[in-house]
């Protein structure tokens, strides 16, 4: 009989994981876990996104994603005209195909889970 799959724990990930720079001079994103090795046909990946004051990040999602704001603040807008000043505790769903603009007057840190393989953001 096969062993049951084990959970994975990332202790203090919010304060110790530093996502790499992905765009402009101020947008950082990094996956910390993914199911793509266990379930390559329907992978889910998660990690942290940090934006610092500076150039807005405009991103078109090629997958579905959920995001919770952990620290700081973001101003988030989509092409339908929705605009939200997001703060810690706010949760967002970004559907595949959504074009989202992220800005901040200070910084923001969020945790995301996306329906994609690791590193495919």
C-alpha atoms as a PDB file:
ATOM      1  CA  UNK A   1       0.000   0.000   0.000  1.00  0.00           C
ATOM      2  CA  UNK A   2       1.323   3.446  -0.939  1.00  0.00           C
ATOM      3  CA  UNK A   3       2.085   6.021   1.713  1.00  0.00           C
ATOM      4  CA  UNK A   4      -0.323   8.956   1.956  1.00  0.00           C
ATOM      5  CA  UNK A   5       1.002  12.228   0.558  1.00  0.00           C
ATOM      6  CA  UNK A   6       2.658  14.484   3.118  1.00  0.00           C
ATOM      7  CA  UNK A   7       1.874  18.156   3.641  1.00  0.00           C
ATOM      8  CA  UNK A   8       4.585  20.772   3.173  1.00  0.00           C
ATOM      9  CA  UNK A   9       5.230  23.540   5.685  1.00  0.00           C
ATOM     10  CA  UNK A  10       7.024  26.820   4.922  1.00  0.00           C
ATOM     11  CA  UNK A  11       7.761  28.338   8.331  1.00  0.00           C
ATOM     12  CA  UNK A  12       7.565  32.137   8.517  1.00  0.00           C
ATOM     13  CA  UNK A  13       7.436  32.369   4.703  1.00  0.00           C
ATOM     14  CA  UNK A  14       5.790  35.802   4.778  1.00  0.00           C
ATOM     15  CA  UNK A  15       8.770  37.323   6.581  1.00  0.00           C
ATOM     16  CA  UNK A  16      11.633  35.208   5.206  1.00  0.00           C
ATOM     17  CA  UNK A  17      10.868  34.583   1.509  1.00  0.00           C
ATOM     18  CA  UNK A  18      12.088  37.377  -0.748  1.00  0.00           C
ATOM     19  CA  UNK A  19      10.494  37.182  -4.222  1.00  0.00           C
ATOM     20  CA  UNK A  20      12.760  38.083  -7.155  1.00  0.00           C
ATOM     21  CA  UNK A  21      12.343  41.158  -9.343  1.00  0.00           C
ATOM     22  CA  UNK A  22      10.077  40.316 -12.311  1.00  0.00           C
ATOM     23  CA  UNK A  23       9.251  43.651 -13.961  1.00  0.00           C
ATOM     24  CA  UNK A  24      10.247  47.301 -14.006  1.00  0.00           C
ATOM     25  CA  UNK A  25      12.261  48.428 -10.986  1.00  0.00           C
ATOM     26  CA  UNK A  26       9.637  47.666  -8.352  1.00  0.00           C
ATOM     27  CA  UNK A  27       7.603  44.468  -9.027  1.00  0.00           C
ATOM     28  CA  UNK A  28       8.668  41.251  -7.295  1.00  0.00           C
ATOM     29  CA  UNK A  29       7.016  37.811  -7.568  1.00  0.00           C
ATOM     30  CA  UNK A  30       8.065  34.301  -6.625  1.00  0.00           C
ATOM     31  CA  UNK A  31       6.410  30.917  -6.327  1.00  0.00           C
ATOM     32  CA  UNK A  32       7.050  29.061  -3.078  1.00  0.00           C
ATOM     33  CA  UNK A  33       5.074  25.902  -3.848  1.00  0.00           C
ATOM     34  CA  UNK A  34       3.400  24.144  -6.737  1.00  0.00           C
ATOM     35  CA  UNK A  35       1.439  20.961  -7.330  1.00  0.00           C
ATOM     36  CA  UNK A  36       2.801  20.579 -10.879  1.00  0.00           C
ATOM     37  CA  UNK A  37       5.041  17.610  -9.960  1.00  0.00           C
ATOM     38  CA  UNK A  38       2.127  15.779  -8.287  1.00  0.00           C
ATOM     39  CA  UNK A  39      -0.594  16.875 -10.722  1.00  0.00           C
ATOM     40  CA  UNK A  40       0.882  18.118 -14.020  1.00  0.00           C
ATOM     41  CA  UNK A  41      -2.493  18.252 -15.782  1.00  0.00           C
ATOM     42  CA  UNK A  42      -4.107  20.652 -13.254  1.00  0.00           C
ATOM     43  CA  UNK A  43      -1.280  22.446 -11.438  1.00  0.00           C
ATOM     44  CA  UNK A  44      -1.780  25.077  -8.758  1.00  0.00           C
ATOM     45  CA  UNK A  45       1.077  27.365  -7.708  1.00  0.00           C
ATOM     46  CA  UNK A  46       1.342  29.902  -4.899  1.00  0.00           C
ATOM     47  CA  UNK A  47       3.723  32.527  -3.653  1.00  0.00           C
ATOM     48  CA  UNK A  48       4.243  36.164  -2.828  1.00  0.00           C
ATOM     49  CA  UNK A  49       3.867  39.342  -4.872  1.00  0.00           C
ATOM     50  CA  UNK A  50       5.390  42.619  -3.713  1.00  0.00           C
ATOM     51  CA  UNK A  51       5.051  45.987  -5.407  1.00  0.00           C
ATOM     52  CA  UNK A  52       6.945  49.077  -4.332  1.00  0.00           C
ATOM     53  CA  UNK A  53       6.220  52.684  -5.253  1.00  0.00           C
ATOM     54  CA  UNK A  54       7.162  53.364  -8.865  1.00  0.00           C
ATOM     55  CA  UNK A  55       6.095  52.084 -12.254  1.00  0.00           C
ATOM     56  CA  UNK A  56       2.578  50.556 -12.413  1.00  0.00           C
ATOM     57  CA  UNK A  57       2.481  46.867 -13.289  1.00  0.00           C
ATOM     58  CA  UNK A  58      -0.009  46.010 -16.037  1.00  0.00           C
ATOM     59  CA  UNK A  59      -0.590  42.250 -16.262  1.00  0.00           C
ATOM     60  CA  UNK A  60      -2.885  40.118 -18.408  1.00  0.00           C
ATOM     61  CA  UNK A  61      -3.746  36.848 -16.673  1.00  0.00           C
ATOM     62  CA  UNK A  62      -3.373  33.670 -18.751  1.00  0.00           C
ATOM     63  CA  UNK A  63      -4.737  31.618 -15.829  1.00  0.00           C
ATOM     64  CA  UNK A  64      -7.161  32.068 -12.905  1.00  0.00           C
ATOM     65  CA  UNK A  65      -5.689  33.543  -9.715  1.00  0.00           C
ATOM     66  CA  UNK A  66      -6.773  34.399  -6.178  1.00  0.00           C
ATOM     67  CA  UNK A  67      -4.839  36.985  -4.174  1.00  0.00           C
ATOM     68  CA  UNK A  68      -5.027  38.163  -0.540  1.00  0.00           C
ATOM     69  CA  UNK A  69      -3.383  41.397   0.524  1.00  0.00           C
ATOM     70  CA  UNK A  70      -1.134  40.787   3.544  1.00  0.00           C
ATOM     71  CA  UNK A  71       0.610  44.122   4.140  1.00  0.00           C
ATOM     72  CA  UNK A  72       0.621  47.663   2.817  1.00  0.00           C
ATOM     73  CA  UNK A  73      -1.722  48.790   0.071  1.00  0.00           C
ATOM     74  CA  UNK A  74      -2.384  48.480  -3.643  1.00  0.00           C
ATOM     75  CA  UNK A  75      -4.568  50.395  -6.064  1.00  0.00           C
ATOM     76  CA  UNK A  76      -5.961  47.742  -8.403  1.00  0.00           C
ATOM     77  CA  UNK A  77      -7.931  48.435 -11.592  1.00  0.00           C
ATOM     78  CA  UNK A  78      -9.284  46.345 -14.450  1.00  0.00           C
ATOM     79  CA  UNK A  79     -10.448  47.147 -17.986  1.00  0.00           C
ATOM     80  CA  UNK A  80     -14.122  47.213 -16.942  1.00  0.00           C
ATOM     81  CA  UNK A  81     -13.485  50.406 -14.956  1.00  0.00           C
ATOM     82  CA  UNK A  82     -13.435  48.780 -11.508  1.00  0.00           C
ATOM     83  CA  UNK A  83     -10.906  50.410  -9.172  1.00  0.00           C
ATOM     84  CA  UNK A  84     -10.181  49.268  -5.633  1.00  0.00           C
ATOM     85  CA  UNK A  85      -7.871  50.661  -2.956  1.00  0.00           C
ATOM     86  CA  UNK A  86      -6.792  47.330  -1.468  1.00  0.00           C
ATOM     87  CA  UNK A  87      -5.513  46.861   2.083  1.00  0.00           C
ATOM     88  CA  UNK A  88      -4.562  43.932   4.305  1.00  0.00           C
ATOM     89  CA  UNK A  89      -7.313  41.323   4.416  1.00  0.00           C
ATOM     90  CA  UNK A  90      -8.805  42.120   0.999  1.00  0.00           C
ATOM     91  CA  UNK A  91      -9.202  39.115  -1.328  1.00  0.00           C
ATOM     92  CA  UNK A  92      -9.349  39.228  -5.135  1.00  0.00           C
ATOM     93  CA  UNK A  93     -10.214  36.803  -7.928  1.00  0.00           C
ATOM     94  CA  UNK A  94      -8.602  37.566 -11.279  1.00  0.00           C
ATOM     95  CA  UNK A  95     -10.156  35.460 -14.059  1.00  0.00           C
ATOM     96  CA  UNK A  96      -8.170  34.205 -17.010  1.00  0.00           C
ATOM     97  CA  UNK A  97      -8.022  36.997 -19.602  1.00  0.00           C
ATOM     98  CA  UNK A  98      -8.346  39.878 -17.116  1.00  0.00           C
ATOM     99  CA  UNK A  99      -5.963  42.800 -17.677  1.00  0.00           C
ATOM    100  CA  UNK A 100      -5.114  44.266 -14.276  1.00  0.00           C
ATOM    101  CA  UNK A 101      -3.122  47.373 -13.324  1.00  0.00           C
ATOM    102  CA  UNK A 102      -1.385  47.371  -9.939  1.00  0.00           C
ATOM    103  CA  UNK A 103       0.008  50.560  -8.370  1.00  0.00           C
ATOM    104  CA  UNK A 104       0.927  51.700  -4.872  1.00  0.00           C
ATOM    105  CA  UNK A 105       1.935  54.942  -3.176  1.00  0.00           C
ATOM    106  CA  UNK A 106       4.077  52.982  -0.689  1.00  0.00           C
ATOM    107  CA  UNK A 107       4.302  49.191  -0.997  1.00  0.00           C
ATOM    108  CA  UNK A 108       2.062  46.160  -0.924  1.00  0.00           C
ATOM    109  CA  UNK A 109       2.620  42.478  -0.207  1.00  0.00           C
ATOM    110  CA  UNK A 110       0.151  39.795  -1.304  1.00  0.00           C
ATOM    111  CA  UNK A 111      -0.100  36.010  -1.293  1.00  0.00           C
ATOM    112  CA  UNK A 112      -1.472  34.412  -4.458  1.00  0.00           C
ATOM    113  CA  UNK A 113      -2.622  31.035  -5.701  1.00  0.00           C
ATOM    114  CA  UNK A 114      -2.815  30.565  -9.447  1.00  0.00           C
ATOM    115  CA  UNK A 115      -4.057  27.752 -11.676  1.00  0.00           C
ATOM    116  CA  UNK A 116      -0.734  27.314 -13.469  1.00  0.00           C
ATOM    117  CA  UNK A 117       2.584  25.485 -13.332  1.00  0.00           C
ATOM    118  CA  UNK A 118       5.445  26.784 -11.219  1.00  0.00           C
ATOM    119  CA  UNK A 119       7.199  29.755 -12.806  1.00  0.00           C
ATOM    120  CA  UNK A 120       4.535  30.205 -15.503  1.00  0.00           C
ATOM    121  CA  UNK A 121       3.387  33.674 -14.402  1.00  0.00           C
END
